[in-house]
Amino acid sequence: MTPVWFDVSTPDAARARRFYGELFGWPVTAIDGTYALIGEPAAPSGGIGQAGPDSPYVGLVVYFDVPSLEEALDKAEELGGKRTLDPVGLPDGNRMAVFTDPDGNPVGLRQLA
């Protein structure tokens, strides 16, 4: 399975946008005060988001496409993972969810509309 997206979730999104933008030369396009897209605006490959006190995860998360979020989350839990973000809708009509693997690493899932 090939990664399809990444997010950096951080308590200081402005700092992270500057850091990664300067480090890798990434174009950064702020959507609002809490989230920015990374990469060319017509085809971004990731984002940097502001993590609040109730954020389900902090750090780098790589996303993979799956046919069913629910089936993938159930399978992850059967194998020792833990659901950290139940499925939510995205502005583009797709859905996403996040779980942690048995070592605590966050992993993202995306289900296309």
Protein backbone atom coordinates (compact mmCIF):
# COMPACT_ATOMS: atom_id res chain seq x y z
CA MET A 1 0.00 0.00 0.00
CA THR A 2 1.31 3.43 -0.95
CA PRO A 3 1.02 6.48 1.34
CA VAL A 4 -1.49 9.00 -0.03
CA TRP A 5 -1.21 11.91 2.43
CA PHE A 6 0.64 13.05 5.52
CA ASP A 7 -0.16 15.39 8.38
CA VAL A 8 2.04 17.04 10.95
CA SER A 9 -0.11 17.72 14.01
CA THR A 10 1.64 20.11 16.40
CA PRO A 11 0.96 22.45 19.33
CA ASP A 12 2.67 25.25 17.32
CA ALA A 13 1.48 25.04 13.71
CA ALA A 14 2.98 28.40 12.71
CA ARG A 15 6.43 27.26 13.85
CA ALA A 16 6.06 23.92 12.06
CA ARG A 17 4.95 25.62 8.82
CA ARG A 18 8.06 27.83 8.91
CA PHE A 19 10.36 24.94 9.85
CA TYR A 20 9.23 22.46 7.18
CA GLY A 21 8.71 25.13 4.54
CA GLU A 22 12.27 26.37 4.95
CA LEU A 23 13.83 22.94 5.50
CA PHE A 24 12.35 21.29 2.41
CA GLY A 25 11.38 24.33 0.35
CA TRP A 26 7.74 23.24 0.48
CA PRO A 27 5.06 25.65 -0.66
CA VAL A 28 2.74 26.18 2.33
CA THR A 29 -0.81 27.43 1.78
CA ALA A 30 -2.73 28.33 4.94
CA ILE A 31 -6.41 27.39 4.76
CA ASP A 32 -7.16 29.07 8.07
CA GLY A 33 -5.40 29.67 11.38
CA THR A 34 -5.33 25.97 12.21
CA TYR A 35 -4.42 24.11 9.01
CA ALA A 36 -2.14 24.58 6.01
CA LEU A 37 -1.64 22.51 2.88
CA ILE A 38 1.85 21.41 1.86
CA GLY A 39 2.95 21.20 -1.77
CA GLU A 40 1.73 22.80 -4.93
CA PRO A 41 -1.71 24.35 -4.27
CA ALA A 42 -3.32 22.46 -7.18
CA ALA A 43 -2.07 19.09 -5.87
CA PRO A 44 -1.04 19.20 -2.20
CA SER A 45 0.50 16.09 -0.64
CA GLY A 46 0.03 16.83 3.04
CA GLY A 47 -0.76 19.34 5.71
CA ILE A 48 0.27 20.89 8.99
CA GLY A 49 -2.40 21.31 11.63
CA GLN A 50 -2.74 22.93 15.02
CA ALA A 51 -3.10 20.34 17.79
CA GLY A 52 -5.28 21.46 20.67
CA PRO A 53 -5.52 19.96 24.15
CA ASP A 54 -8.12 17.43 22.96
CA SER A 55 -6.27 16.39 19.78
CA PRO A 56 -6.30 12.61 19.29
CA TYR A 57 -2.62 12.61 18.25
CA VAL A 58 0.46 14.80 17.85
CA GLY A 59 3.30 14.24 15.42
CA LEU A 60 3.66 12.90 11.91
CA VAL A 61 0.85 10.72 10.54
CA VAL A 62 0.96 8.95 7.19
CA TYR A 63 -2.38 8.11 5.54
CA PHE A 64 -3.30 5.11 3.41
CA ASP A 65 -6.40 4.58 1.26
CA VAL A 66 -8.71 1.76 2.31
CA PRO A 67 -12.04 0.61 0.86
CA SER A 68 -13.74 0.75 4.29
CA LEU A 69 -12.61 2.73 7.33
CA GLU A 70 -14.67 0.61 9.67
CA GLU A 71 -13.25 -2.69 8.40
CA ALA A 72 -9.68 -1.37 8.51
CA LEU A 73 -10.13 0.00 12.05
CA ASP A 74 -11.67 -3.28 13.22
CA LYS A 75 -8.76 -5.23 11.71
CA ALA A 76 -6.21 -2.88 13.30
CA GLU A 77 -7.85 -3.43 16.70
CA GLU A 78 -7.89 -7.22 16.20
CA LEU A 79 -4.12 -7.01 15.59
CA GLY A 80 -3.43 -4.93 18.71
CA GLY A 81 -3.94 -1.39 17.45
CA LYS A 82 -6.10 1.23 19.12
CA ARG A 83 -8.60 3.60 17.51
CA THR A 84 -7.70 7.23 18.27
CA LEU A 85 -9.92 9.14 15.83
CA ASP A 86 -13.22 7.64 14.70
CA PRO A 87 -14.21 8.23 11.07
CA VAL A 88 -14.90 11.86 10.20
CA GLY A 89 -15.95 13.54 6.98
CA LEU A 90 -13.59 15.81 5.05
CA PRO A 91 -14.51 18.90 3.01
CA ASP A 92 -13.81 17.02 -0.24
CA GLY A 93 -16.36 14.31 0.60
CA ASN A 94 -13.78 11.71 1.61
CA ARG A 95 -13.55 10.32 5.16
CA MET A 96 -10.59 9.76 7.46
CA ALA A 97 -9.73 7.99 10.71
CA VAL A 98 -6.60 7.38 12.79
CA PHE A 99 -5.40 4.47 14.92
CA THR A 100 -2.17 3.69 16.74
CA ASP A 101 -0.24 0.52 16.03
CA PRO A 102 0.86 -1.76 18.92
CA ASP A 103 3.94 0.46 19.45
CA GLY A 104 1.84 3.64 19.71
CA ASN A 105 2.65 5.05 16.26
CA PRO A 106 -0.30 6.93 14.73
CA VAL A 107 -1.47 5.69 11.32
CA GLY A 108 -4.05 7.46 9.17
CA LEU A 109 -6.70 5.93 6.94
CA ARG A 110 -8.63 7.59 4.12
CA GLN A 111 -11.75 6.31 2.42
CA LEU A 112 -12.54 7.96 -0.90
CA ALA A 113 -16.08 9.16 -1.53
